[in-house]
N, C-alpha and C. Protein backbone atom coordinates (compact mmCIF):
# COMPACT_ATOMS: atom_id res chain seq x y z
N MET A 1 89.08 139.35 128.28
CA MET A 1 90.38 138.72 128.55
C MET A 1 90.38 137.22 128.23
N PRO A 2 89.36 136.45 128.67
CA PRO A 2 89.32 135.04 128.31
C PRO A 2 89.31 134.83 126.80
N VAL A 3 88.64 135.71 126.06
CA VAL A 3 88.58 135.57 124.60
C VAL A 3 89.96 135.77 124.00
N LEU A 4 90.68 136.80 124.49
CA LEU A 4 92.03 137.04 124.00
C LEU A 4 92.97 135.89 124.33
N LEU A 5 92.82 135.34 125.54
CA LEU A 5 93.66 134.21 125.94
C LEU A 5 93.38 133.00 125.06
N ALA A 6 92.10 132.75 124.78
CA ALA A 6 91.74 131.61 123.93
C ALA A 6 92.32 131.78 122.53
N ALA A 7 92.27 133.02 122.01
CA ALA A 7 92.81 133.27 120.68
C ALA A 7 94.32 133.06 120.65
N ALA A 8 94.99 133.51 121.72
CA ALA A 8 96.44 133.32 121.79
C ALA A 8 96.81 131.85 121.84
N LEU A 9 96.05 131.07 122.63
CA LEU A 9 96.33 129.64 122.72
C LEU A 9 96.09 128.95 121.38
N ALA A 10 95.03 129.35 120.70
CA ALA A 10 94.74 128.76 119.39
C ALA A 10 95.88 129.04 118.41
N GLY A 11 96.43 130.25 118.49
CA GLY A 11 97.56 130.58 117.63
C GLY A 11 98.78 129.75 117.92
N LEU A 12 99.04 129.53 119.20
CA LEU A 12 100.19 128.72 119.58
C LEU A 12 100.03 127.28 119.11
N LEU A 13 98.82 126.74 119.24
CA LEU A 13 98.57 125.37 118.80
C LEU A 13 98.74 125.25 117.30
N ALA A 14 98.24 126.23 116.56
CA ALA A 14 98.39 126.18 115.10
C ALA A 14 99.85 126.23 114.70
N ALA A 15 100.63 127.05 115.40
CA ALA A 15 102.05 127.16 115.07
C ALA A 15 102.80 125.88 115.37
N ALA A 16 102.29 125.09 116.29
CA ALA A 16 102.97 123.86 116.67
C ALA A 16 102.69 122.72 115.72
N LEU A 17 101.68 122.83 114.85
CA LEU A 17 101.34 121.77 113.94
C LEU A 17 102.41 121.62 112.87
N PRO A 18 102.62 120.40 112.33
CA PRO A 18 103.56 120.23 111.24
C PRO A 18 103.19 121.11 110.06
N ALA A 19 104.20 121.55 109.31
CA ALA A 19 103.95 122.46 108.19
C ALA A 19 102.97 121.87 107.19
N ARG A 20 103.12 120.56 106.91
CA ARG A 20 102.26 120.00 105.88
C ARG A 20 100.80 119.95 106.31
N ALA A 21 100.52 119.84 107.62
CA ALA A 21 99.14 119.84 108.09
C ALA A 21 98.53 121.22 107.95
N GLN A 22 99.33 122.27 108.14
CA GLN A 22 98.82 123.63 108.04
C GLN A 22 98.56 124.04 106.60
N GLU A 23 99.44 123.64 105.69
CA GLU A 23 99.48 124.24 104.37
C GLU A 23 98.97 123.33 103.26
N LEU A 24 98.67 122.08 103.52
CA LEU A 24 98.33 121.13 102.48
C LEU A 24 96.91 120.58 102.67
N ASP A 25 96.15 120.62 101.62
CA ASP A 25 94.81 120.03 101.59
C ASP A 25 94.90 118.80 100.70
N ILE A 26 95.07 117.62 101.30
CA ILE A 26 95.37 116.42 100.53
C ILE A 26 94.23 116.04 99.60
N LEU A 27 93.00 116.31 99.97
CA LEU A 27 91.87 115.96 99.10
C LEU A 27 91.85 116.86 97.87
N SER A 28 92.12 118.15 98.06
CA SER A 28 92.19 119.06 96.91
C SER A 28 93.35 118.68 95.99
N ILE A 29 94.48 118.30 96.60
CA ILE A 29 95.63 117.88 95.81
C ILE A 29 95.30 116.63 95.00
N TYR A 30 94.61 115.68 95.62
CA TYR A 30 94.20 114.47 94.92
C TYR A 30 93.37 114.81 93.68
N ARG A 31 92.42 115.71 93.85
CA ARG A 31 91.55 116.08 92.73
C ARG A 31 92.33 116.83 91.64
N GLU A 32 93.26 117.70 92.05
CA GLU A 32 94.09 118.40 91.07
C GLU A 32 94.90 117.41 90.24
N LEU A 33 95.53 116.46 90.90
CA LEU A 33 96.36 115.48 90.20
C LEU A 33 95.52 114.58 89.31
N GLN A 34 94.31 114.30 89.74
CA GLN A 34 93.43 113.45 88.94
C GLN A 34 93.12 114.11 87.60
N VAL A 35 93.02 115.42 87.60
CA VAL A 35 92.79 116.16 86.36
C VAL A 35 94.09 116.31 85.56
N ALA A 36 95.18 116.66 86.27
CA ALA A 36 96.45 116.93 85.61
C ALA A 36 97.12 115.67 85.07
N GLN A 37 96.88 114.51 85.74
CA GLN A 37 97.52 113.26 85.35
C GLN A 37 96.44 112.21 85.09
N PRO A 38 95.67 112.37 84.02
CA PRO A 38 94.52 111.47 83.82
C PRO A 38 94.91 110.02 83.51
N ASN A 39 96.10 109.81 82.97
CA ASN A 39 96.54 108.46 82.64
C ASN A 39 97.47 107.94 83.72
N GLY A 40 97.07 106.88 84.39
CA GLY A 40 97.92 106.28 85.41
C GLY A 40 97.60 106.72 86.82
N PHE A 41 96.88 107.83 86.98
CA PHE A 41 96.52 108.27 88.32
C PHE A 41 95.22 107.60 88.73
N PRO A 42 95.05 107.26 90.03
CA PRO A 42 93.83 106.57 90.47
C PRO A 42 92.55 107.27 90.02
N ALA A 43 91.59 106.47 89.60
CA ALA A 43 90.34 107.02 89.04
C ALA A 43 89.22 107.11 90.05
N TYR A 44 89.49 106.81 91.31
CA TYR A 44 88.43 106.84 92.32
C TYR A 44 87.86 108.26 92.46
N GLU A 45 86.55 108.31 92.61
CA GLU A 45 85.88 109.59 92.82
C GLU A 45 85.65 109.77 94.32
N ILE A 46 86.24 110.80 94.88
CA ILE A 46 86.09 111.11 96.31
C ILE A 46 85.34 112.42 96.41
N ALA A 47 84.21 112.40 97.11
CA ALA A 47 83.33 113.57 97.14
C ALA A 47 82.70 113.71 98.52
N PRO A 48 82.17 114.91 98.85
CA PRO A 48 81.47 115.09 100.13
C PRO A 48 80.26 114.16 100.22
N SER A 49 80.00 113.68 101.44
CA SER A 49 78.83 112.82 101.66
C SER A 49 77.74 113.62 102.37
N PRO A 50 76.50 113.16 102.33
CA PRO A 50 75.41 113.90 102.95
C PRO A 50 75.58 114.12 104.45
N ASP A 51 76.35 113.26 105.12
CA ASP A 51 76.53 113.40 106.57
C ASP A 51 77.64 114.37 106.93
N GLY A 52 78.20 115.06 105.93
CA GLY A 52 79.24 116.04 106.20
C GLY A 52 80.65 115.48 106.08
N GLY A 53 80.79 114.18 105.85
CA GLY A 53 82.10 113.58 105.67
C GLY A 53 82.45 113.49 104.20
N VAL A 54 83.17 112.43 103.85
CA VAL A 54 83.50 112.19 102.45
C VAL A 54 83.15 110.75 102.11
N ARG A 55 82.90 110.50 100.84
CA ARG A 55 82.62 109.15 100.38
C ARG A 55 83.51 108.85 99.17
N ILE A 56 83.74 107.59 98.91
CA ILE A 56 84.54 107.18 97.76
C ILE A 56 83.71 106.28 96.89
N GLU A 57 83.83 106.50 95.59
CA GLU A 57 83.08 105.72 94.62
C GLU A 57 84.03 105.24 93.53
N ASP A 58 83.51 104.31 92.72
CA ASP A 58 84.25 103.82 91.58
C ASP A 58 84.63 104.97 90.65
N GLY A 59 85.74 104.82 89.96
CA GLY A 59 86.10 105.80 88.95
C GLY A 59 85.17 105.73 87.76
N PRO A 60 85.22 106.72 86.88
CA PRO A 60 84.32 106.78 85.74
C PRO A 60 84.49 105.63 84.76
N GLN A 61 85.67 104.98 84.80
CA GLN A 61 85.91 103.87 83.89
C GLN A 61 85.73 102.51 84.57
N GLY A 62 85.13 102.52 85.76
CA GLY A 62 84.89 101.26 86.46
C GLY A 62 86.16 100.55 86.85
N ALA A 63 87.15 101.32 87.32
CA ALA A 63 88.46 100.74 87.61
C ALA A 63 88.50 99.92 88.88
N SER A 64 87.50 100.06 89.74
CA SER A 64 87.54 99.40 91.04
C SER A 64 87.35 97.89 90.90
N ARG A 65 88.01 97.16 91.80
CA ARG A 65 87.87 95.70 91.84
C ARG A 65 86.82 95.26 92.84
N GLY A 66 86.38 96.13 93.71
CA GLY A 66 85.43 95.74 94.73
C GLY A 66 84.71 96.95 95.26
N HIS A 67 84.69 97.12 96.55
CA HIS A 67 84.09 98.28 97.19
C HIS A 67 85.20 99.04 97.90
N PRO A 68 85.77 100.06 97.25
CA PRO A 68 86.92 100.75 97.85
C PRO A 68 86.56 101.43 99.16
N ALA A 69 87.51 101.36 100.11
CA ALA A 69 87.35 102.00 101.42
C ALA A 69 88.36 103.12 101.53
N LEU A 70 87.94 104.23 102.12
CA LEU A 70 88.79 105.42 102.21
C LEU A 70 89.19 105.69 103.65
N LEU A 71 90.48 105.97 103.86
CA LEU A 71 90.97 106.51 105.12
C LEU A 71 91.55 107.88 104.79
N LEU A 72 90.95 108.93 105.34
CA LEU A 72 91.40 110.29 105.08
C LEU A 72 91.87 110.94 106.37
N ASP A 73 93.12 111.36 106.39
CA ASP A 73 93.70 112.07 107.53
C ASP A 73 94.10 113.45 107.04
N ALA A 74 93.16 114.39 107.13
CA ALA A 74 93.41 115.73 106.59
C ALA A 74 94.54 116.43 107.33
N MET A 75 94.60 116.27 108.66
CA MET A 75 95.66 116.93 109.43
C MET A 75 97.04 116.36 109.10
N GLY A 76 97.09 115.09 108.74
CA GLY A 76 98.36 114.46 108.39
C GLY A 76 98.70 114.54 106.92
N ALA A 77 97.83 115.21 106.12
CA ALA A 77 98.03 115.31 104.67
C ALA A 77 98.25 113.92 104.07
N PHE A 78 97.29 113.02 104.36
CA PHE A 78 97.44 111.61 104.00
C PHE A 78 96.07 111.03 103.65
N LEU A 79 96.03 110.21 102.61
CA LEU A 79 94.83 109.41 102.37
C LEU A 79 95.23 108.03 101.88
N ARG A 80 94.36 107.06 102.15
CA ARG A 80 94.59 105.69 101.72
C ARG A 80 93.28 105.12 101.17
N VAL A 81 93.38 104.45 100.03
CA VAL A 81 92.25 103.75 99.44
C VAL A 81 92.59 102.26 99.41
N THR A 82 91.74 101.45 100.00
CA THR A 82 91.91 100.00 99.97
C THR A 82 90.80 99.43 99.10
N ASP A 83 91.20 98.84 97.98
CA ASP A 83 90.24 98.38 96.97
C ASP A 83 90.35 96.87 96.85
N GLY A 84 89.46 96.15 97.53
CA GLY A 84 89.44 94.70 97.48
C GLY A 84 88.68 94.22 96.28
N GLY A 85 89.09 93.08 95.75
CA GLY A 85 88.42 92.54 94.59
C GLY A 85 88.02 91.10 94.80
N ALA A 86 87.87 90.41 93.69
CA ALA A 86 87.51 89.00 93.75
C ALA A 86 88.64 88.22 94.42
N GLY A 87 88.28 87.23 95.19
CA GLY A 87 89.30 86.45 95.88
C GLY A 87 89.94 87.24 96.99
N ASP A 88 91.23 87.09 97.16
CA ASP A 88 91.95 87.72 98.26
C ASP A 88 92.81 88.89 97.82
N ASP A 89 92.80 89.26 96.54
CA ASP A 89 93.65 90.33 96.06
C ASP A 89 93.04 91.70 96.34
N ALA A 90 93.89 92.66 96.60
CA ALA A 90 93.46 94.04 96.80
C ALA A 90 94.56 94.98 96.33
N MET A 91 94.16 96.19 95.96
CA MET A 91 95.12 97.24 95.63
C MET A 91 95.00 98.32 96.71
N VAL A 92 96.13 98.68 97.30
CA VAL A 92 96.16 99.73 98.32
C VAL A 92 96.89 100.93 97.74
N THR A 93 96.25 102.08 97.77
CA THR A 93 96.80 103.31 97.23
C THR A 93 96.94 104.33 98.36
N GLU A 94 98.12 104.92 98.48
CA GLU A 94 98.35 105.96 99.49
C GLU A 94 98.84 107.24 98.81
N LEU A 95 98.40 108.37 99.35
CA LEU A 95 98.83 109.68 98.89
C LEU A 95 99.23 110.49 100.11
N ALA A 96 100.40 111.11 100.06
CA ALA A 96 100.85 111.97 101.15
C ALA A 96 101.61 113.14 100.55
N ALA A 97 101.70 114.24 101.31
CA ALA A 97 102.31 115.45 100.76
C ALA A 97 103.27 116.09 101.75
N TRP A 98 104.27 116.74 101.20
CA TRP A 98 105.27 117.49 101.94
C TRP A 98 105.35 118.89 101.35
N ILE A 99 106.00 119.81 102.06
CA ILE A 99 106.33 121.12 101.52
C ILE A 99 107.82 121.10 101.17
N ASP A 100 108.14 121.42 99.90
CA ASP A 100 109.55 121.37 99.51
C ASP A 100 110.29 122.63 99.96
N ARG A 101 111.56 122.71 99.65
CA ARG A 101 112.39 123.81 100.15
C ARG A 101 111.98 125.16 99.59
N GLU A 102 111.23 125.17 98.49
CA GLU A 102 110.78 126.42 97.89
C GLU A 102 109.34 126.75 98.28
N GLY A 103 108.75 125.91 99.12
CA GLY A 103 107.40 126.17 99.59
C GLY A 103 106.29 125.59 98.73
N PHE A 104 106.64 124.71 97.79
CA PHE A 104 105.64 124.10 96.92
C PHE A 104 105.29 122.69 97.41
N PRO A 105 104.10 122.18 97.06
CA PRO A 105 103.74 120.82 97.46
C PRO A 105 104.56 119.77 96.69
N LEU A 106 105.01 118.77 97.39
CA LEU A 106 105.61 117.57 96.81
C LEU A 106 104.74 116.41 97.27
N VAL A 107 104.26 115.61 96.32
CA VAL A 107 103.26 114.59 96.63
C VAL A 107 103.78 113.22 96.22
N ALA A 108 103.61 112.24 97.10
CA ALA A 108 103.95 110.86 96.80
C ALA A 108 102.68 110.06 96.55
N LEU A 109 102.72 109.22 95.53
CA LEU A 109 101.67 108.26 95.24
C LEU A 109 102.28 106.87 95.34
N SER A 110 101.88 106.13 96.38
CA SER A 110 102.40 104.79 96.60
C SER A 110 101.27 103.79 96.39
N GLU A 111 101.54 102.75 95.60
CA GLU A 111 100.52 101.72 95.34
C GLU A 111 101.14 100.36 95.60
N ARG A 112 100.35 99.45 96.14
CA ARG A 112 100.85 98.10 96.39
C ARG A 112 99.75 97.08 96.18
N GLY A 113 100.15 95.96 95.59
CA GLY A 113 99.25 94.83 95.45
C GLY A 113 99.35 93.96 96.69
N VAL A 114 98.21 93.52 97.19
CA VAL A 114 98.16 92.76 98.43
C VAL A 114 97.39 91.47 98.19
N ARG A 115 97.93 90.37 98.71
CA ARG A 115 97.25 89.07 98.60
C ARG A 115 97.16 88.46 99.99
N GLN A 116 95.94 88.19 100.45
CA GLN A 116 95.70 87.66 101.79
C GLN A 116 96.36 88.52 102.86
N GLY A 117 96.30 89.83 102.66
CA GLY A 117 96.81 90.77 103.65
C GLY A 117 98.29 91.06 103.56
N VAL A 118 99.02 90.40 102.65
CA VAL A 118 100.48 90.57 102.55
C VAL A 118 100.83 91.19 101.20
N PRO A 119 101.55 92.32 101.17
CA PRO A 119 101.95 92.93 99.90
C PRO A 119 102.90 92.01 99.12
N PHE A 120 102.69 91.97 97.79
CA PHE A 120 103.59 91.19 96.95
C PHE A 120 104.31 92.06 95.93
N GLY A 121 103.97 93.33 95.83
CA GLY A 121 104.65 94.22 94.90
C GLY A 121 104.16 95.65 95.08
N GLY A 122 105.00 96.60 94.73
CA GLY A 122 104.60 97.99 94.89
C GLY A 122 105.25 98.89 93.86
N ARG A 123 104.78 100.12 93.81
CA ARG A 123 105.41 101.16 92.98
C ARG A 123 105.20 102.51 93.65
N LEU A 124 106.06 103.46 93.27
CA LEU A 124 106.06 104.76 93.93
C LEU A 124 106.35 105.84 92.91
N ARG A 125 105.60 106.93 92.99
CA ARG A 125 105.84 108.09 92.14
C ARG A 125 105.77 109.36 92.97
N PHE A 126 106.48 110.39 92.52
CA PHE A 126 106.42 111.70 93.16
C PHE A 126 106.04 112.75 92.13
N TYR A 127 105.19 113.68 92.57
CA TYR A 127 104.77 114.80 91.72
C TYR A 127 105.08 116.11 92.41
N SER A 128 105.50 117.10 91.63
CA SER A 128 105.81 118.43 92.17
C SER A 128 105.00 119.48 91.41
N ARG A 129 104.62 120.55 92.14
CA ARG A 129 103.92 121.67 91.53
C ARG A 129 104.82 122.90 91.50
N ALA A 130 106.13 122.69 91.60
CA ALA A 130 107.07 123.81 91.67
C ALA A 130 107.08 124.67 90.42
N SER A 131 106.70 124.12 89.27
CA SER A 131 106.70 124.87 88.02
C SER A 131 105.31 125.40 87.67
N SER A 132 104.43 125.49 88.67
CA SER A 132 103.04 125.96 88.50
C SER A 132 102.16 124.93 87.81
N ARG A 133 102.69 123.76 87.53
CA ARG A 133 101.88 122.65 87.03
C ARG A 133 102.47 121.37 87.60
N TRP A 134 101.67 120.32 87.68
CA TRP A 134 102.14 119.07 88.26
C TRP A 134 103.04 118.32 87.29
N ASN A 135 104.21 117.92 87.77
CA ASN A 135 105.15 117.15 86.97
C ASN A 135 105.65 115.95 87.76
N LEU A 136 105.96 114.88 87.04
CA LEU A 136 106.54 113.69 87.67
C LEU A 136 108.01 113.96 87.97
N VAL A 137 108.42 113.81 89.24
CA VAL A 137 109.79 114.17 89.64
C VAL A 137 110.46 113.07 90.45
N THR A 138 110.01 111.83 90.31
CA THR A 138 110.54 110.74 91.13
C THR A 138 112.05 110.66 91.06
N ASP A 139 112.63 110.77 89.87
CA ASP A 139 114.08 110.64 89.72
C ASP A 139 114.84 111.76 90.41
N ARG A 140 114.18 112.89 90.66
CA ARG A 140 114.87 114.03 91.28
C ARG A 140 114.89 113.93 92.81
N VAL A 141 113.90 113.26 93.38
CA VAL A 141 113.76 113.32 94.84
C VAL A 141 114.00 111.99 95.54
N TRP A 142 113.92 110.88 94.85
CA TRP A 142 113.99 109.56 95.47
C TRP A 142 115.37 108.94 95.22
N PRO A 143 115.93 108.19 96.18
CA PRO A 143 117.25 107.57 95.98
C PRO A 143 117.30 106.70 94.73
N LYS A 144 118.32 106.86 93.96
CA LYS A 144 118.45 106.13 92.69
C LYS A 144 118.58 104.63 92.92
N ASP A 145 117.81 103.86 92.14
CA ASP A 145 117.89 102.39 92.16
C ASP A 145 117.68 101.81 93.55
N LEU A 146 116.82 102.41 94.36
CA LEU A 146 116.63 101.91 95.72
C LEU A 146 116.05 100.50 95.72
N ASP A 147 115.19 100.18 94.74
CA ASP A 147 114.65 98.82 94.71
C ASP A 147 115.77 97.79 94.61
N PHE A 148 116.85 98.12 93.87
CA PHE A 148 117.95 97.17 93.72
C PHE A 148 118.91 97.22 94.91
N THR A 149 119.28 98.43 95.34
CA THR A 149 120.26 98.53 96.42
C THR A 149 119.69 98.07 97.76
N LEU A 150 118.39 98.23 97.94
CA LEU A 150 117.76 97.80 99.20
C LEU A 150 117.22 96.38 99.10
N CYS A 151 116.53 96.09 97.99
CA CYS A 151 115.81 94.81 97.87
C CYS A 151 116.47 93.80 96.95
N ARG A 152 117.58 94.19 96.31
CA ARG A 152 118.38 93.29 95.47
C ARG A 152 117.58 92.71 94.31
N ALA A 153 116.66 93.48 93.82
CA ALA A 153 115.88 93.08 92.65
C ALA A 153 115.38 94.36 91.98
N ARG A 154 115.29 94.32 90.67
CA ARG A 154 114.88 95.52 89.95
C ARG A 154 113.41 95.42 89.54
N GLY A 155 112.72 96.53 89.68
CA GLY A 155 111.35 96.59 89.21
C GLY A 155 111.29 97.09 87.78
N GLU A 156 110.09 97.06 87.21
CA GLU A 156 109.89 97.59 85.87
C GLU A 156 109.81 99.11 85.91
N GLU A 157 109.98 99.73 84.77
CA GLU A 157 109.90 101.19 84.69
C GLU A 157 108.47 101.64 84.99
N VAL A 158 108.37 102.68 85.82
CA VAL A 158 107.08 103.26 86.16
C VAL A 158 106.99 104.64 85.51
N THR A 159 105.98 104.83 84.67
CA THR A 159 105.79 106.11 83.98
C THR A 159 104.48 106.75 84.45
N GLU A 160 104.18 107.91 83.88
CA GLU A 160 102.93 108.59 84.23
C GLU A 160 101.71 107.78 83.80
N GLU A 161 101.89 106.89 82.83
CA GLU A 161 100.76 106.12 82.31
C GLU A 161 100.57 104.78 83.02
N THR A 162 101.52 104.38 83.85
CA THR A 162 101.44 103.07 84.50
C THR A 162 100.24 103.02 85.44
N ALA A 163 99.45 101.98 85.34
CA ALA A 163 98.23 101.90 86.14
C ALA A 163 97.93 100.46 86.50
N GLY A 164 96.96 100.29 87.40
CA GLY A 164 96.48 98.95 87.76
C GLY A 164 97.57 98.09 88.36
N TRP A 165 97.68 96.87 87.84
CA TRP A 165 98.60 95.89 88.40
C TRP A 165 99.92 95.85 87.65
N ASP A 166 100.12 96.80 86.73
CA ASP A 166 101.36 96.82 85.95
C ASP A 166 102.53 97.36 86.77
N ALA A 167 103.72 96.85 86.47
CA ALA A 167 104.99 97.38 86.99
C ALA A 167 105.05 97.44 88.51
N LEU A 168 104.47 96.46 89.18
CA LEU A 168 104.64 96.38 90.63
C LEU A 168 105.99 95.74 90.91
N GLY A 169 106.85 96.44 91.66
CA GLY A 169 108.21 95.99 91.88
C GLY A 169 108.42 95.34 93.23
N PRO A 170 109.68 95.11 93.62
CA PRO A 170 110.00 94.35 94.84
C PRO A 170 109.97 95.17 96.12
N MET A 171 109.58 96.45 96.03
CA MET A 171 109.60 97.31 97.21
C MET A 171 108.25 98.01 97.36
N VAL A 172 107.77 98.09 98.62
CA VAL A 172 106.58 98.89 98.90
C VAL A 172 106.99 100.05 99.81
N ALA A 173 106.37 101.19 99.59
CA ALA A 173 106.65 102.39 100.38
C ALA A 173 105.41 102.71 101.20
N LEU A 174 105.55 102.68 102.52
CA LEU A 174 104.46 103.04 103.41
C LEU A 174 104.60 104.52 103.74
N LEU A 175 103.66 105.31 103.28
CA LEU A 175 103.74 106.76 103.46
C LEU A 175 103.33 107.16 104.87
N PRO A 176 103.86 108.26 105.37
CA PRO A 176 103.64 108.62 106.78
C PRO A 176 102.34 109.38 107.02
N ARG A 177 101.65 109.01 108.10
CA ARG A 177 100.55 109.84 108.62
C ARG A 177 101.07 110.80 109.67
N ALA A 178 102.19 110.46 110.28
CA ALA A 178 102.85 111.33 111.26
C ALA A 178 104.32 111.40 110.89
N GLY A 179 104.92 112.57 111.05
CA GLY A 179 106.29 112.73 110.65
C GLY A 179 106.41 112.92 109.15
N THR A 180 107.64 112.83 108.65
CA THR A 180 107.88 113.10 107.23
C THR A 180 108.65 112.00 106.51
N ASP A 181 109.02 110.92 107.20
CA ASP A 181 109.84 109.88 106.60
C ASP A 181 108.99 108.71 106.10
N ILE A 182 109.52 107.99 105.12
CA ILE A 182 108.83 106.87 104.49
C ILE A 182 109.47 105.56 104.94
N ALA A 183 108.64 104.54 105.15
CA ALA A 183 109.15 103.20 105.45
C ALA A 183 109.13 102.37 104.17
N ALA A 184 110.30 101.93 103.71
CA ALA A 184 110.40 101.12 102.50
C ALA A 184 110.67 99.67 102.90
N TRP A 185 109.83 98.76 102.43
CA TRP A 185 109.95 97.34 102.76
C TRP A 185 110.12 96.51 101.50
N CYS A 186 110.96 95.48 101.57
CA CYS A 186 111.15 94.56 100.47
C CYS A 186 110.11 93.44 100.56
N VAL A 187 109.54 93.10 99.42
CA VAL A 187 108.44 92.13 99.40
C VAL A 187 108.59 91.19 98.22
N GLY A 188 107.64 90.27 98.12
CA GLY A 188 107.53 89.41 96.95
C GLY A 188 108.75 88.56 96.70
N ALA A 189 109.26 88.65 95.46
CA ALA A 189 110.38 87.81 95.05
C ALA A 189 111.74 88.35 95.47
N SER A 190 111.76 89.45 96.19
CA SER A 190 113.04 89.97 96.66
C SER A 190 113.73 88.94 97.55
N PRO A 191 115.05 88.72 97.37
CA PRO A 191 115.75 87.74 98.22
C PRO A 191 115.86 88.19 99.67
N VAL A 192 115.54 89.45 99.93
CA VAL A 192 115.59 89.94 101.31
C VAL A 192 114.21 90.44 101.74
N ALA A 193 113.16 89.79 101.22
CA ALA A 193 111.79 90.17 101.57
C ALA A 193 111.61 90.14 103.08
N GLY A 194 110.92 91.17 103.60
CA GLY A 194 110.71 91.27 105.04
C GLY A 194 111.65 92.22 105.73
N THR A 195 112.64 92.72 104.98
CA THR A 195 113.54 93.73 105.54
C THR A 195 113.20 95.09 104.93
N GLY A 196 113.65 96.15 105.59
CA GLY A 196 113.33 97.48 105.08
C GLY A 196 114.24 98.53 105.66
N ALA A 197 114.00 99.77 105.24
CA ALA A 197 114.80 100.90 105.71
C ALA A 197 113.93 102.15 105.78
N ALA A 198 114.29 103.03 106.70
CA ALA A 198 113.65 104.34 106.76
C ALA A 198 114.25 105.22 105.66
N ILE A 199 113.38 105.92 104.95
CA ILE A 199 113.83 106.83 103.90
C ILE A 199 113.52 108.24 104.39
N ILE A 200 114.56 109.02 104.59
CA ILE A 200 114.49 110.26 105.35
C ILE A 200 114.28 111.46 104.43
N TRP A 201 113.29 112.28 104.78
CA TRP A 201 113.01 113.51 104.04
C TRP A 201 113.90 114.63 104.54
N ASP A 202 114.57 115.31 103.61
CA ASP A 202 115.43 116.44 103.93
C ASP A 202 114.88 117.65 103.18
N ARG A 203 114.20 118.54 103.91
CA ARG A 203 113.58 119.68 103.25
C ARG A 203 114.61 120.67 102.71
N THR A 204 115.79 120.72 103.32
CA THR A 204 116.81 121.66 102.86
C THR A 204 117.29 121.33 101.45
N THR A 205 117.30 120.04 101.09
CA THR A 205 117.71 119.64 99.74
C THR A 205 116.51 119.27 98.87
N GLY A 206 115.35 119.07 99.50
CA GLY A 206 114.16 118.68 98.75
C GLY A 206 114.24 117.26 98.24
N THR A 207 114.97 116.38 98.96
CA THR A 207 115.15 115.00 98.53
C THR A 207 115.01 114.04 99.71
N PHE A 208 114.87 112.76 99.36
CA PHE A 208 114.87 111.69 100.35
C PHE A 208 116.20 110.95 100.28
N THR A 209 116.69 110.51 101.43
CA THR A 209 117.91 109.71 101.48
C THR A 209 117.67 108.46 102.31
N ARG A 210 118.40 107.41 101.98
CA ARG A 210 118.26 106.15 102.72
C ARG A 210 118.80 106.29 104.13
N GLY A 211 117.99 105.90 105.10
CA GLY A 211 118.38 105.97 106.50
C GLY A 211 118.63 104.59 107.08
N PRO A 212 118.47 104.43 108.39
CA PRO A 212 118.77 103.16 109.04
C PRO A 212 117.78 102.06 108.70
N ALA A 213 118.23 100.84 108.91
CA ALA A 213 117.35 99.69 108.70
C ALA A 213 116.18 99.73 109.68
N LEU A 214 115.04 99.27 109.22
CA LEU A 214 113.85 99.20 110.08
C LEU A 214 113.97 97.97 110.98
N LYS A 215 113.71 98.15 112.24
CA LYS A 215 113.82 97.05 113.20
C LYS A 215 112.50 96.31 113.31
N GLY A 216 112.60 95.03 113.60
CA GLY A 216 111.40 94.24 113.81
C GLY A 216 110.79 93.75 112.50
N ALA A 217 109.64 93.12 112.63
CA ALA A 217 108.96 92.54 111.48
C ALA A 217 108.19 93.61 110.73
N ALA A 218 107.93 93.35 109.45
CA ALA A 218 107.08 94.22 108.65
C ALA A 218 105.70 94.31 109.30
N PRO A 219 104.98 95.42 109.09
CA PRO A 219 103.69 95.60 109.78
C PRO A 219 102.69 94.48 109.56
N TRP A 220 102.66 93.91 108.33
CA TRP A 220 101.69 92.85 108.07
C TRP A 220 102.07 91.55 108.78
N VAL A 221 103.36 91.33 109.01
CA VAL A 221 103.80 90.15 109.78
C VAL A 221 103.47 90.36 111.25
N ALA A 222 103.77 91.56 111.74
CA ALA A 222 103.49 91.87 113.15
C ALA A 222 102.01 91.76 113.47
N ALA A 223 101.17 91.97 112.43
CA ALA A 223 99.73 91.88 112.63
C ALA A 223 99.22 90.45 112.46
N GLY A 224 100.15 89.50 112.28
CA GLY A 224 99.75 88.11 112.15
C GLY A 224 99.44 87.68 110.75
N ARG A 225 99.96 88.46 109.77
CA ARG A 225 99.69 88.14 108.36
C ARG A 225 100.87 87.45 107.72
N ASP A 226 101.57 86.60 108.44
CA ASP A 226 102.74 85.92 107.87
C ASP A 226 102.37 84.56 107.28
């Protein structure tokens, strides 16, 4: 009887977890995209470590600027790579995944340049596996011209080949470790730098829509990085 009760409780707990935590393996998705999108996708090698965890190493082309650090949240379908380089500059890369309305993975790749702890530019891409292969679908799922309508400045075009410090625009997207919504903040040369909005995921339409303004200071300001 105790065994049956334990099994029942385990089932209830599993059912209560967010869909993306149950169905998405963010590390496997990262590796799939690294193969499918060799140009413009982060080149960091993430592999099992001898202690049973994971380790991150430079990409095969030596793309790293320093000693990249990995934050992996498997239950939240989220990973972050912080790659510091010479001086105070760093590149922060985030990957997060959702389940779309047809049951396929939708993945966001958010990258931002950081100087002395404060972002000065960012870019965002979305990939879908709905057609049995990974495709860039940013224009289909993300609000049109959000960098301009939210941050009053336009960024450069971001393609599948865009990499490194190229095409960093006036908006950074902080991907969620909990929940499904994205926090978009205006940075750099934007005339409204320091303001932002919640970008809401709607699984019924498979798209994001602009939500309410974010209250308070940006996370890096709140942490004393102003």
